[in-house]
């Protein structure tokens, strides 16, 4: 069973963090405004950081995502799917703002090259 995801939003720096607590990363990769940290086996994402979160999530969702919305996150999830050529990380957040719940989900693809 996956560990619960802790979600934190830094309003001052507009940065969203999704973290599986208690796990130490082995490495990380930066893809644009996303920083993904991986488990020691490098098979599972254990943390996702999204910088410029309101802008990035607005662009990805085709909706206006405000800092106020991100300050009111109820829950976050993410999971990792590994294939031969890539690691896919799907993530989602649910926030409640002005009595309206908004669900945002998307995925990040990390291409990998296996040395032969």
PDB file of N, CA and C in Angstrom:
ATOM      1  N   UNK A   1       0.841  -1.190   0.000  1.00  0.00           N
ATOM      2  CA  UNK A   1       0.000   0.000   0.000  1.00  0.00           C
ATOM      3  C   UNK A   1       0.882   1.249   0.000  1.00  0.00           C
ATOM      4  N   UNK A   2       0.519   2.235  -0.808  1.00  0.00           N
ATOM      5  CA  UNK A   2       1.291   3.471  -0.869  1.00  0.00           C
ATOM      6  C   UNK A   2       1.091   4.285   0.393  1.00  0.00           C
ATOM      7  N   UNK A   3       2.142   5.029   0.742  1.00  0.00           N
ATOM      8  CA  UNK A   3       2.053   5.940   1.883  1.00  0.00           C
ATOM      9  C   UNK A   3       1.188   7.139   1.504  1.00  0.00           C
ATOM     10  N   UNK A   4       0.637   7.766   2.530  1.00  0.00           N
ATOM     11  CA  UNK A   4      -0.165   8.960   2.316  1.00  0.00           C
ATOM     12  C   UNK A   4       0.718  10.084   1.773  1.00  0.00           C
ATOM     13  N   UNK A   5       0.163  10.870   0.913  1.00  0.00           N
ATOM     14  CA  UNK A   5       0.881  11.989   0.313  1.00  0.00           C
ATOM     15  C   UNK A   5       0.631  13.247   1.148  1.00  0.00           C
ATOM     16  N   UNK A   6       1.699  13.941   1.495  1.00  0.00           N
ATOM     17  CA  UNK A   6       1.592  15.220   2.191  1.00  0.00           C
ATOM     18  C   UNK A   6       1.698  16.314   1.130  1.00  0.00           C
ATOM     19  N   UNK A   7       0.771  17.256   1.167  1.00  0.00           N
ATOM     20  CA  UNK A   7       0.750  18.356   0.203  1.00  0.00           C
ATOM     21  C   UNK A   7       0.989  19.657   0.946  1.00  0.00           C
ATOM     22  N   UNK A   8       1.931  20.431   0.440  1.00  0.00           N
ATOM     23  CA  UNK A   8       2.210  21.749   1.014  1.00  0.00           C
ATOM     24  C   UNK A   8       2.306  22.754  -0.126  1.00  0.00           C
ATOM     25  N   UNK A   9       1.823  23.944   0.145  1.00  0.00           N
ATOM     26  CA  UNK A   9       1.915  25.018  -0.842  1.00  0.00           C
ATOM     27  C   UNK A   9       2.561  26.226  -0.190  1.00  0.00           C
ATOM     28  N   UNK A  10       3.576  26.758  -0.825  1.00  0.00           N
ATOM     29  CA  UNK A  10       4.258  27.961  -0.357  1.00  0.00           C
ATOM     30  C   UNK A  10       3.738  29.128  -1.194  1.00  0.00           C
ATOM     31  N   UNK A  11       2.845  29.909  -0.599  1.00  0.00           N
ATOM     32  CA  UNK A  11       2.210  31.027  -1.295  1.00  0.00           C
ATOM     33  C   UNK A  11       3.220  32.093  -1.718  1.00  0.00           C
ATOM     34  N   UNK A  12       4.211  32.349  -0.878  1.00  0.00           N
ATOM     35  CA  UNK A  12       5.195  33.384  -1.177  1.00  0.00           C
ATOM     36  C   UNK A  12       6.001  33.059  -2.435  1.00  0.00           C
ATOM     37  N   UNK A  13       6.403  31.803  -2.567  1.00  0.00           N
ATOM     38  CA  UNK A  13       7.228  31.400  -3.711  1.00  0.00           C
ATOM     39  C   UNK A  13       6.431  30.665  -4.787  1.00  0.00           C
ATOM     40  N   UNK A  14       5.112  30.531  -4.600  1.00  0.00           N
ATOM     41  CA  UNK A  14       4.222  29.858  -5.551  1.00  0.00           C
ATOM     42  C   UNK A  14       4.767  28.472  -5.927  1.00  0.00           C
ATOM     43  N   UNK A  15       5.078  27.697  -4.884  1.00  0.00           N
ATOM     44  CA  UNK A  15       5.643  26.366  -5.082  1.00  0.00           C
ATOM     45  C   UNK A  15       4.774  25.333  -4.384  1.00  0.00           C
ATOM     46  N   UNK A  16       4.426  24.285  -5.126  1.00  0.00           N
ATOM     47  CA  UNK A  16       3.604  23.198  -4.613  1.00  0.00           C
ATOM     48  C   UNK A  16       4.482  21.967  -4.401  1.00  0.00           C
ATOM     49  N   UNK A  17       4.323  21.324  -3.244  1.00  0.00           N
ATOM     50  CA  UNK A  17       5.087  20.132  -2.899  1.00  0.00           C
ATOM     51  C   UNK A  17       4.125  18.973  -2.647  1.00  0.00           C
ATOM     52  N   UNK A  18       4.387  17.846  -3.289  1.00  0.00           N
ATOM     53  CA  UNK A  18       3.680  16.599  -3.023  1.00  0.00           C
ATOM     54  C   UNK A  18       4.752  15.611  -2.570  1.00  0.00           C
ATOM     55  N   UNK A  19       4.627  15.086  -1.347  1.00  0.00           N
ATOM     56  CA  UNK A  19       5.718  14.309  -0.760  1.00  0.00           C
ATOM     57  C   UNK A  19       5.186  13.052  -0.082  1.00  0.00           C
ATOM     58  N   UNK A  20       5.873  11.928  -0.284  1.00  0.00           N
ATOM     59  CA  UNK A  20       5.650  10.723   0.526  1.00  0.00           C
ATOM     60  C   UNK A  20       6.595  10.849   1.715  1.00  0.00           C
ATOM     61  N   UNK A  21       6.081  11.123   2.913  1.00  0.00           N
ATOM     62  CA  UNK A  21       6.956  11.385   4.059  1.00  0.00           C
ATOM     63  C   UNK A  21       7.730  10.137   4.492  1.00  0.00           C
ATOM     64  N   UNK A  22       8.905  10.397   5.092  1.00  0.00           N
ATOM     65  CA  UNK A  22       9.698   9.329   5.664  1.00  0.00           C
ATOM     66  C   UNK A  22      10.613   8.607   4.704  1.00  0.00           C
ATOM     67  N   UNK A  23      10.601   8.972   3.439  1.00  0.00           N
ATOM     68  CA  UNK A  23      11.466   8.327   2.455  1.00  0.00           C
ATOM     69  C   UNK A  23      12.568   9.291   2.035  1.00  0.00           C
ATOM     70  N   UNK A  24      13.764   8.785   1.891  1.00  0.00           N
ATOM     71  CA  UNK A  24      14.889   9.618   1.478  1.00  0.00           C
ATOM     72  C   UNK A  24      15.165   9.413  -0.006  1.00  0.00           C
ATOM     73  N   UNK A  25      15.313  10.497  -0.743  1.00  0.00           N
ATOM     74  CA  UNK A  25      15.536  10.365  -2.180  1.00  0.00           C
ATOM     75  C   UNK A  25      16.948   9.902  -2.514  1.00  0.00           C
ATOM     76  N   UNK A  26      17.056   9.193  -3.608  1.00  0.00           N
ATOM     77  CA  UNK A  26      18.352   8.771  -4.135  1.00  0.00           C
ATOM     78  C   UNK A  26      18.840   9.770  -5.184  1.00  0.00           C
ATOM     79  N   UNK A  27      17.904  10.326  -5.934  1.00  0.00           N
ATOM     80  CA  UNK A  27      18.262  11.270  -6.976  1.00  0.00           C
ATOM     81  C   UNK A  27      17.041  12.062  -7.387  1.00  0.00           C
ATOM     82  N   UNK A  28      17.273  13.067  -8.207  1.00  0.00           N
ATOM     83  CA  UNK A  28      16.164  13.892  -8.681  1.00  0.00           C
ATOM     84  C   UNK A  28      16.430  14.298 -10.120  1.00  0.00           C
ATOM     85  N   UNK A  29      15.362  14.723 -10.759  1.00  0.00           N
ATOM     86  CA  UNK A  29      15.462  15.214 -12.130  1.00  0.00           C
ATOM     87  C   UNK A  29      14.584  16.458 -12.226  1.00  0.00           C
ATOM     88  N   UNK A  30      15.076  17.453 -12.959  1.00  0.00           N
ATOM     89  CA  UNK A  30      14.336  18.697 -13.161  1.00  0.00           C
ATOM     90  C   UNK A  30      13.859  18.747 -14.599  1.00  0.00           C
ATOM     91  N   UNK A  31      12.549  18.934 -14.755  1.00  0.00           N
ATOM     92  CA  UNK A  31      11.949  19.057 -16.080  1.00  0.00           C
ATOM     93  C   UNK A  31      11.141  20.336 -16.074  1.00  0.00           C
ATOM     94  N   UNK A  32      11.713  21.393 -16.610  1.00  0.00           N
ATOM     95  CA  UNK A  32      11.032  22.681 -16.589  1.00  0.00           C
ATOM     96  C   UNK A  32      10.746  23.124 -15.171  1.00  0.00           C
ATOM     97  N   UNK A  33       9.476  23.323 -14.847  1.00  0.00           N
ATOM     98  CA  UNK A  33       9.070  23.773 -13.519  1.00  0.00           C
ATOM     99  C   UNK A  33       8.792  22.618 -12.556  1.00  0.00           C
ATOM    100  N   UNK A  34       9.138  21.400 -12.945  1.00  0.00           N
ATOM    101  CA  UNK A  34       8.934  20.224 -12.104  1.00  0.00           C
ATOM    102  C   UNK A  34      10.271  19.677 -11.637  1.00  0.00           C
ATOM    103  N   UNK A  35      10.350  19.354 -10.361  1.00  0.00           N
ATOM    104  CA  UNK A  35      11.498  18.624  -9.817  1.00  0.00           C
ATOM    105  C   UNK A  35      10.919  17.357  -9.204  1.00  0.00           C
ATOM    106  N   UNK A  36      11.404  16.211  -9.685  1.00  0.00           N
ATOM    107  CA  UNK A  36      10.913  14.923  -9.202  1.00  0.00           C
ATOM    108  C   UNK A  36      12.048  14.213  -8.491  1.00  0.00           C
ATOM    109  N   UNK A  37      11.791  13.780  -7.255  1.00  0.00           N
ATOM    110  CA  UNK A  37      12.776  13.025  -6.489  1.00  0.00           C
ATOM    111  C   UNK A  37      12.375  11.556  -6.507  1.00  0.00           C
ATOM    112  N   UNK A  38      13.378  10.681  -6.639  1.00  0.00           N
ATOM    113  CA  UNK A  38      13.127   9.249  -6.782  1.00  0.00           C
ATOM    114  C   UNK A  38      13.632   8.456  -5.584  1.00  0.00           C
ATOM    115  N   UNK A  39      13.028   7.299  -5.378  1.00  0.00           N
ATOM    116  CA  UNK A  39      13.414   6.365  -4.315  1.00  0.00           C
ATOM    117  C   UNK A  39      14.802   5.801  -4.609  1.00  0.00           C
ATOM    118  N   UNK A  40      15.424   5.163  -3.615  1.00  0.00           N
ATOM    119  CA  UNK A  40      16.755   4.586  -3.831  1.00  0.00           C
ATOM    120  C   UNK A  40      16.808   3.609  -5.007  1.00  0.00           C
ATOM    121  N   UNK A  41      15.720   2.914  -5.283  1.00  0.00           N
ATOM    122  CA  UNK A  41      15.698   1.988  -6.424  1.00  0.00           C
ATOM    123  C   UNK A  41      15.507   2.727  -7.752  1.00  0.00           C
ATOM    124  N   UNK A  42      15.244   4.031  -7.675  1.00  0.00           N
ATOM    125  CA  UNK A  42      14.985   4.890  -8.838  1.00  0.00           C
ATOM    126  C   UNK A  42      13.798   4.405  -9.662  1.00  0.00           C
ATOM    127  N   UNK A  43      12.888   3.697  -9.013  1.00  0.00           N
ATOM    128  CA  UNK A  43      11.722   3.174  -9.717  1.00  0.00           C
ATOM    129  C   UNK A  43      10.438   3.889  -9.325  1.00  0.00           C
ATOM    130  N   UNK A  44      10.505   4.682  -8.282  1.00  0.00           N
ATOM    131  CA  UNK A  44       9.285   5.308  -7.789  1.00  0.00           C
ATOM    132  C   UNK A  44       9.548   6.762  -7.408  1.00  0.00           C
ATOM    133  N   UNK A  45       8.675   7.642  -7.848  1.00  0.00           N
ATOM    134  CA  UNK A  45       8.755   9.035  -7.418  1.00  0.00           C
ATOM    135  C   UNK A  45       8.325   9.110  -5.965  1.00  0.00           C
ATOM    136  N   UNK A  46       9.086   9.859  -5.163  1.00  0.00           N
ATOM    137  CA  UNK A  46       8.707  10.021  -3.754  1.00  0.00           C
ATOM    138  C   UNK A  46       8.380  11.475  -3.418  1.00  0.00           C
ATOM    139  N   UNK A  47       8.683  12.389  -4.343  1.00  0.00           N
ATOM    140  CA  UNK A  47       8.327  13.792  -4.128  1.00  0.00           C
ATOM    141  C   UNK A  47       8.261  14.510  -5.473  1.00  0.00           C
ATOM    142  N   UNK A  48       7.346  15.455  -5.550  1.00  0.00           N
ATOM    143  CA  UNK A  48       7.219  16.315  -6.729  1.00  0.00           C
ATOM    144  C   UNK A  48       7.156  17.748  -6.236  1.00  0.00           C
ATOM    145  N   UNK A  49       7.966  18.601  -6.824  1.00  0.00           N
ATOM    146  CA  UNK A  49       7.926  20.031  -6.532  1.00  0.00           C
ATOM    147  C   UNK A  49       7.556  20.746  -7.826  1.00  0.00           C
ATOM    148  N   UNK A  50       6.567  21.609  -7.754  1.00  0.00           N
ATOM    149  CA  UNK A  50       6.148  22.385  -8.925  1.00  0.00           C
ATOM    150  C   UNK A  50       6.370  23.857  -8.610  1.00  0.00           C
ATOM    151  N   UNK A  51       7.341  24.455  -9.291  1.00  0.00           N
ATOM    152  CA  UNK A  51       7.589  25.880  -9.112  1.00  0.00           C
ATOM    153  C   UNK A  51       6.659  26.663 -10.049  1.00  0.00           C
ATOM    154  N   UNK A  52       6.402  27.915  -9.704  1.00  0.00           N
ATOM    155  CA  UNK A  52       5.453  28.727 -10.477  1.00  0.00           C
ATOM    156  C   UNK A  52       4.130  27.970 -10.630  1.00  0.00           C
ATOM    157  N   UNK A  53       3.700  27.356  -9.544  1.00  0.00           N
ATOM    158  CA  UNK A  53       2.596  26.401  -9.580  1.00  0.00           C
ATOM    159  C   UNK A  53       1.301  26.977 -10.145  1.00  0.00           C
ATOM    160  N   UNK A  54       0.913  28.172  -9.753  1.00  0.00           N
ATOM    161  CA  UNK A  54      -0.357  28.710 -10.256  1.00  0.00           C
ATOM    162  C   UNK A  54      -0.304  28.906 -11.775  1.00  0.00           C
ATOM    163  N   UNK A  55       0.796  29.381 -12.282  1.00  0.00           N
ATOM    164  CA  UNK A  55       0.939  29.570 -13.736  1.00  0.00           C
ATOM    165  C   UNK A  55       0.994  28.232 -14.464  1.00  0.00           C
ATOM    166  N   UNK A  56       1.821  27.315 -13.961  1.00  0.00           N
ATOM    167  CA  UNK A  56       2.001  26.019 -14.609  1.00  0.00           C
ATOM    168  C   UNK A  56       0.693  25.232 -14.611  1.00  0.00           C
ATOM    169  N   UNK A  57       0.030  25.149 -13.457  1.00  0.00           N
ATOM    170  CA  UNK A  57      -1.214  24.386 -13.389  1.00  0.00           C
ATOM    171  C   UNK A  57      -2.329  25.043 -14.190  1.00  0.00           C
ATOM    172  N   UNK A  58      -2.325  26.362 -14.280  1.00  0.00           N
ATOM    173  CA  UNK A  58      -3.300  27.052 -15.134  1.00  0.00           C
ATOM    174  C   UNK A  58      -3.082  26.665 -16.596  1.00  0.00           C
ATOM    175  N   UNK A  59      -1.838  26.649 -17.028  1.00  0.00           N
ATOM    176  CA  UNK A  59      -1.521  26.289 -18.412  1.00  0.00           C
ATOM    177  C   UNK A  59      -1.902  24.845 -18.722  1.00  0.00           C
ATOM    178  N   UNK A  60      -1.616  23.944 -17.788  1.00  0.00           N
ATOM    179  CA  UNK A  60      -1.893  22.525 -18.016  1.00  0.00           C
ATOM    180  C   UNK A  60      -3.374  22.196 -17.959  1.00  0.00           C
ATOM    181  N   UNK A  61      -4.145  22.961 -17.211  1.00  0.00           N
ATOM    182  CA  UNK A  61      -5.563  22.636 -17.038  1.00  0.00           C
ATOM    183  C   UNK A  61      -6.486  23.485 -17.906  1.00  0.00           C
ATOM    184  N   UNK A  62      -5.956  24.485 -18.576  1.00  0.00           N
ATOM    185  CA  UNK A  62      -6.776  25.431 -19.342  1.00  0.00           C
ATOM    186  C   UNK A  62      -7.813  26.130 -18.460  1.00  0.00           C
ATOM    187  N   UNK A  63      -7.514  26.247 -17.176  1.00  0.00           N
ATOM    188  CA  UNK A  63      -8.369  26.957 -16.218  1.00  0.00           C
ATOM    189  C   UNK A  63      -7.500  27.927 -15.443  1.00  0.00           C
ATOM    190  N   UNK A  64      -8.101  28.935 -14.868  1.00  0.00           N
ATOM    191  CA  UNK A  64      -7.367  29.873 -14.039  1.00  0.00           C
ATOM    192  C   UNK A  64      -7.205  29.264 -12.652  1.00  0.00           C
ATOM    193  N   UNK A  65      -5.970  28.921 -12.295  1.00  0.00           N
ATOM    194  CA  UNK A  65      -5.651  28.374 -10.981  1.00  0.00           C
ATOM    195  C   UNK A  65      -4.941  29.483 -10.217  1.00  0.00           C
ATOM    196  N   UNK A  66      -5.529  29.885  -9.104  1.00  0.00           N
ATOM    197  CA  UNK A  66      -4.983  31.006  -8.344  1.00  0.00           C
ATOM    198  C   UNK A  66      -4.201  30.507  -7.129  1.00  0.00           C
ATOM    199  N   UNK A  67      -3.409  31.404  -6.570  1.00  0.00           N
ATOM    200  CA  UNK A  67      -2.699  31.092  -5.333  1.00  0.00           C
ATOM    201  C   UNK A  67      -3.695  30.798  -4.214  1.00  0.00           C
ATOM    202  N   UNK A  68      -4.819  31.509  -4.212  1.00  0.00           N
ATOM    203  CA  UNK A  68      -5.854  31.259  -3.214  1.00  0.00           C
ATOM    204  C   UNK A  68      -6.387  29.840  -3.288  1.00  0.00           C
ATOM    205  N   UNK A  69      -6.567  29.328  -4.493  1.00  0.00           N
ATOM    206  CA  UNK A  69      -7.024  27.954  -4.662  1.00  0.00           C
ATOM    207  C   UNK A  69      -5.975  26.982  -4.122  1.00  0.00           C
ATOM    208  N   UNK A  70      -4.720  27.224  -4.441  1.00  0.00           N
ATOM    209  CA  UNK A  70      -3.652  26.313  -4.031  1.00  0.00           C
ATOM    210  C   UNK A  70      -3.406  26.364  -2.523  1.00  0.00           C
ATOM    211  N   UNK A  71      -3.790  27.447  -1.896  1.00  0.00           N
ATOM    212  CA  UNK A  71      -3.669  27.554  -0.444  1.00  0.00           C
ATOM    213  C   UNK A  71      -4.691  26.659   0.246  1.00  0.00           C
ATOM    214  N   UNK A  72      -5.725  26.246  -0.466  1.00  0.00           N
ATOM    215  CA  UNK A  72      -6.813  25.447   0.108  1.00  0.00           C
ATOM    216  C   UNK A  72      -6.878  24.039  -0.472  1.00  0.00           C
ATOM    217  N   UNK A  73      -5.738  23.388  -0.552  1.00  0.00           N
ATOM    218  CA  UNK A  73      -5.702  22.021  -1.076  1.00  0.00           C
ATOM    219  C   UNK A  73      -6.205  21.058  -0.013  1.00  0.00           C
ATOM    220  N   UNK A  74      -7.106  20.185  -0.417  1.00  0.00           N
ATOM    221  CA  UNK A  74      -7.678  19.180   0.472  1.00  0.00           C
ATOM    222  C   UNK A  74      -6.832  17.902   0.440  1.00  0.00           C
ATOM    223  N   UNK A  75      -6.443  17.492  -0.763  1.00  0.00           N
ATOM    224  CA  UNK A  75      -5.768  16.210  -0.919  1.00  0.00           C
ATOM    225  C   UNK A  75      -4.919  16.210  -2.187  1.00  0.00           C
ATOM    226  N   UNK A  76      -3.864  15.424  -2.154  1.00  0.00           N
ATOM    227  CA  UNK A  76      -3.009  15.242  -3.316  1.00  0.00           C
ATOM    228  C   UNK A  76      -2.633  13.779  -3.471  1.00  0.00           C
ATOM    229  N   UNK A  77      -2.407  13.376  -4.696  1.00  0.00           N
ATOM    230  CA  UNK A  77      -1.997  12.004  -4.982  1.00  0.00           C
ATOM    231  C   UNK A  77      -0.947  12.020  -6.089  1.00  0.00           C
ATOM    232  N   UNK A  78      -0.155  10.973  -6.132  1.00  0.00           N
ATOM    233  CA  UNK A  78       0.641  10.703  -7.317  1.00  0.00           C
ATOM    234  C   UNK A  78       1.070   9.245  -7.323  1.00  0.00           C
ATOM    235  N   UNK A  79       1.334   8.747  -8.514  1.00  0.00           N
ATOM    236  CA  UNK A  79       1.827   7.380  -8.648  1.00  0.00           C
ATOM    237  C   UNK A  79       2.793   7.306  -9.818  1.00  0.00           C
ATOM    238  N   UNK A  80       3.611   6.272  -9.782  1.00  0.00           N
ATOM    239  CA  UNK A  80       4.662   6.113 -10.774  1.00  0.00           C
ATOM    240  C   UNK A  80       4.429   4.834 -11.563  1.00  0.00           C
ATOM    241  N   UNK A  81       4.573   4.936 -12.862  1.00  0.00           N
ATOM    242  CA  UNK A  81       4.514   3.767 -13.740  1.00  0.00           C
ATOM    243  C   UNK A  81       5.806   3.754 -14.533  1.00  0.00           C
ATOM    244  N   UNK A  82       6.552   2.662 -14.439  1.00  0.00           N
ATOM    245  CA  UNK A  82       7.833   2.567 -15.136  1.00  0.00           C
ATOM    246  C   UNK A  82       7.712   1.595 -16.303  1.00  0.00           C
ATOM    247  N   UNK A  83       8.214   2.030 -17.464  1.00  0.00           N
ATOM    248  CA  UNK A  83       8.302   1.168 -18.635  1.00  0.00           C
ATOM    249  C   UNK A  83       9.760   1.101 -19.056  1.00  0.00           C
ATOM    250  N   UNK A  84      10.026   0.429 -20.136  1.00  0.00           N
ATOM    251  CA  UNK A  84      11.401   0.296 -20.613  1.00  0.00           C
ATOM    252  C   UNK A  84      12.010   1.638 -21.005  1.00  0.00           C
ATOM    253  N   UNK A  85      11.213   2.524 -21.583  1.00  0.00           N
ATOM    254  CA  UNK A  85      11.742   3.768 -22.138  1.00  0.00           C
ATOM    255  C   UNK A  85      11.408   5.030 -21.360  1.00  0.00           C
ATOM    256  N   UNK A  86      10.564   4.904 -20.342  1.00  0.00           N
ATOM    257  CA  UNK A  86      10.150   6.120 -19.636  1.00  0.00           C
ATOM    258  C   UNK A  86       9.579   5.781 -18.265  1.00  0.00           C
ATOM    259  N   UNK A  87       9.535   6.818 -17.436  1.00  0.00           N
ATOM    260  CA  UNK A  87       8.817   6.754 -16.168  1.00  0.00           C
ATOM    261  C   UNK A  87       7.687   7.773 -16.283  1.00  0.00           C
ATOM    262  N   UNK A  88       6.468   7.320 -16.025  1.00  0.00           N
ATOM    263  CA  UNK A  88       5.301   8.190 -16.069  1.00  0.00           C
ATOM    264  C   UNK A  88       4.860   8.454 -14.637  1.00  0.00           C
ATOM    265  N   UNK A  89       4.667   9.706 -14.317  1.00  0.00           N
ATOM    266  CA  UNK A  89       4.232  10.087 -12.983  1.00  0.00           C
ATOM    267  C   UNK A  89       2.919  10.839 -13.136  1.00  0.00           C
ATOM    268  N   UNK A  90       1.851  10.226 -12.661  1.00  0.00           N
ATOM    269  CA  UNK A  90       0.566  10.916 -12.699  1.00  0.00           C
ATOM    270  C   UNK A  90       0.335  11.533 -11.326  1.00  0.00           C
ATOM    271  N   UNK A  91      -0.217  12.732 -11.324  1.00  0.00           N
ATOM    272  CA  UNK A  91      -0.447  13.428 -10.063  1.00  0.00           C
ATOM    273  C   UNK A  91      -1.800  14.118 -10.115  1.00  0.00           C
ATOM    274  N   UNK A  92      -2.327  14.374  -8.942  1.00  0.00           N
ATOM    275  CA  UNK A  92      -3.597  15.077  -8.861  1.00  0.00           C
ATOM    276  C   UNK A  92      -3.714  15.822  -7.549  1.00  0.00           C
ATOM    277  N   UNK A  93      -4.456  16.895  -7.574  1.00  0.00           N
ATOM    278  CA  UNK A  93      -4.759  17.634  -6.353  1.00  0.00           C
ATOM    279  C   UNK A  93      -6.235  18.023  -6.384  1.00  0.00           C
ATOM    280  N   UNK A  94      -6.791  18.116  -5.196  1.00  0.00           N
ATOM    281  CA  UNK A  94      -8.158  18.609  -5.050  1.00  0.00           C
ATOM    282  C   UNK A  94      -8.097  19.785  -4.094  1.00  0.00           C
ATOM    283  N   UNK A  95      -8.658  20.913  -4.527  1.00  0.00           N
ATOM    284  CA  UNK A  95      -8.686  22.089  -3.660  1.00  0.00           C
ATOM    285  C   UNK A  95     -10.117  22.606  -3.558  1.00  0.00           C
ATOM    286  N   UNK A  96     -10.402  23.247  -2.450  1.00  0.00           N
ATOM    287  CA  UNK A  96     -11.717  23.837  -2.224  1.00  0.00           C
ATOM    288  C   UNK A  96     -11.514  25.331  -2.039  1.00  0.00           C
ATOM    289  N   UNK A  97     -12.154  26.113  -2.895  1.00  0.00           N
ATOM    290  CA  UNK A  97     -12.006  27.558  -2.838  1.00  0.00           C
ATOM    291  C   UNK A  97     -13.366  28.179  -3.093  1.00  0.00           C
ATOM    292  N   UNK A  98     -13.806  29.026  -2.185  1.00  0.00           N
ATOM    293  CA  UNK A  98     -15.120  29.670  -2.278  1.00  0.00           C
ATOM    294  C   UNK A  98     -16.218  28.622  -2.436  1.00  0.00           C
ATOM    295  N   UNK A  99     -16.126  27.550  -1.625  1.00  0.00           N
ATOM    296  CA  UNK A  99     -17.098  26.456  -1.599  1.00  0.00           C
ATOM    297  C   UNK A  99     -17.218  25.674  -2.908  1.00  0.00           C
ATOM    298  N   UNK A 100     -16.209  25.775  -3.758  1.00  0.00           N
ATOM    299  CA  UNK A 100     -16.189  24.998  -4.997  1.00  0.00           C
ATOM    300  C   UNK A 100     -14.950  24.115  -4.983  1.00  0.00           C
ATOM    301  N   UNK A 101     -15.165  22.806  -5.195  1.00  0.00           N
ATOM    302  CA  UNK A 101     -14.029  21.896  -5.281  1.00  0.00           C
ATOM    303  C   UNK A 101     -13.547  21.817  -6.722  1.00  0.00           C
ATOM    304  N   UNK A 102     -12.239  21.887  -6.879  1.00  0.00           N
ATOM    305  CA  UNK A 102     -11.618  21.780  -8.191  1.00  0.00           C
ATOM    306  C   UNK A 102     -10.617  20.641  -8.143  1.00  0.00           C
ATOM    307  N   UNK A 103     -10.688  19.762  -9.120  1.00  0.00           N
ATOM    308  CA  UNK A 103      -9.756  18.652  -9.212  1.00  0.00           C
ATOM    309  C   UNK A 103      -8.839  18.881 -10.416  1.00  0.00           C
ATOM    310  N   UNK A 104      -7.542  18.810 -10.156  1.00  0.00           N
ATOM    311  CA  UNK A 104      -6.548  18.979 -11.213  1.00  0.00           C
ATOM    312  C   UNK A 104      -5.707  17.719 -11.277  1.00  0.00           C
ATOM    313  N   UNK A 105      -5.557  17.181 -12.459  1.00  0.00           N
ATOM    314  CA  UNK A 105      -4.662  16.043 -12.591  1.00  0.00           C
ATOM    315  C   UNK A 105      -3.954  16.099 -13.932  1.00  0.00           C
ATOM    316  N   UNK A 106      -2.767  15.527 -13.947  1.00  0.00           N
ATOM    317  CA  UNK A 106      -1.949  15.529 -15.146  1.00  0.00           C
ATOM    318  C   UNK A 106      -0.855  14.503 -14.951  1.00  0.00           C
ATOM    319  N   UNK A 107       0.075  14.457 -15.881  1.00  0.00           N
ATOM    320  CA  UNK A 107       1.188  13.525 -15.739  1.00  0.00           C
ATOM    321  C   UNK A 107       2.467  14.146 -16.274  1.00  0.00           C
ATOM    322  N   UNK A 108       3.556  13.583 -15.810  1.00  0.00           N
ATOM    323  CA  UNK A 108       4.891  13.985 -16.230  1.00  0.00           C
ATOM    324  C   UNK A 108       5.537  12.745 -16.832  1.00  0.00           C
ATOM    325  N   UNK A 109       6.167  12.897 -17.978  1.00  0.00           N
ATOM    326  CA  UNK A 109       6.891  11.788 -18.596  1.00  0.00           C
ATOM    327  C   UNK A 109       8.379  12.053 -18.484  1.00  0.00           C
ATOM    328  N   UNK A 110       9.098  11.085 -17.917  1.00  0.00           N
ATOM    329  CA  UNK A 110      10.551  11.195 -17.786  1.00  0.00           C
ATOM    330  C   UNK A 110      11.154  10.131 -18.700  1.00  0.00           C
ATOM    331  N   UNK A 111      11.681  10.543 -19.860  1.00  0.00           N
ATOM    332  CA  UNK A 111      12.296   9.555 -20.746  1.00  0.00           C
ATOM    333  C   UNK A 111      13.571   8.995 -20.102  1.00  0.00           C
ATOM    334  N   UNK A 112      13.787   7.703 -20.261  1.00  0.00           N
ATOM    335  CA  UNK A 112      14.997   7.100 -19.736  1.00  0.00           C
ATOM    336  C   UNK A 112      15.700   6.320 -20.836  1.00  0.00           C
ATOM    337  N   UNK A 113      16.992   6.283 -20.719  1.00  0.00           N
ATOM    338  CA  UNK A 113      17.787   5.524 -21.680  1.00  0.00           C
ATOM    339  C   UNK A 113      18.567   4.494 -20.874  1.00  0.00           C
ATOM    340  N   UNK A 114      18.310   3.254 -21.175  1.00  0.00           N
ATOM    341  CA  UNK A 114      18.983   2.189 -20.458  1.00  0.00           C
ATOM    342  C   UNK A 114      20.272   1.836 -21.195  1.00  0.00           C
ATOM    343  N   UNK A 115      21.393   1.882 -20.454  1.00  0.00           N
ATOM    344  CA  UNK A 115      22.676   1.535 -21.060  1.00  0.00           C
ATOM    345  C   UNK A 115      22.733   0.032 -21.293  1.00  0.00           C
ATOM    346  N   UNK A 116      23.225  -0.334 -22.462  1.00  0.00           N
ATOM    347  CA  UNK A 116      23.315  -1.753 -22.813  1.00  0.00           C
ATOM    348  C   UNK A 116      24.743  -2.215 -22.726  1.00  0.00           C
TER     349      UNK A 116
END
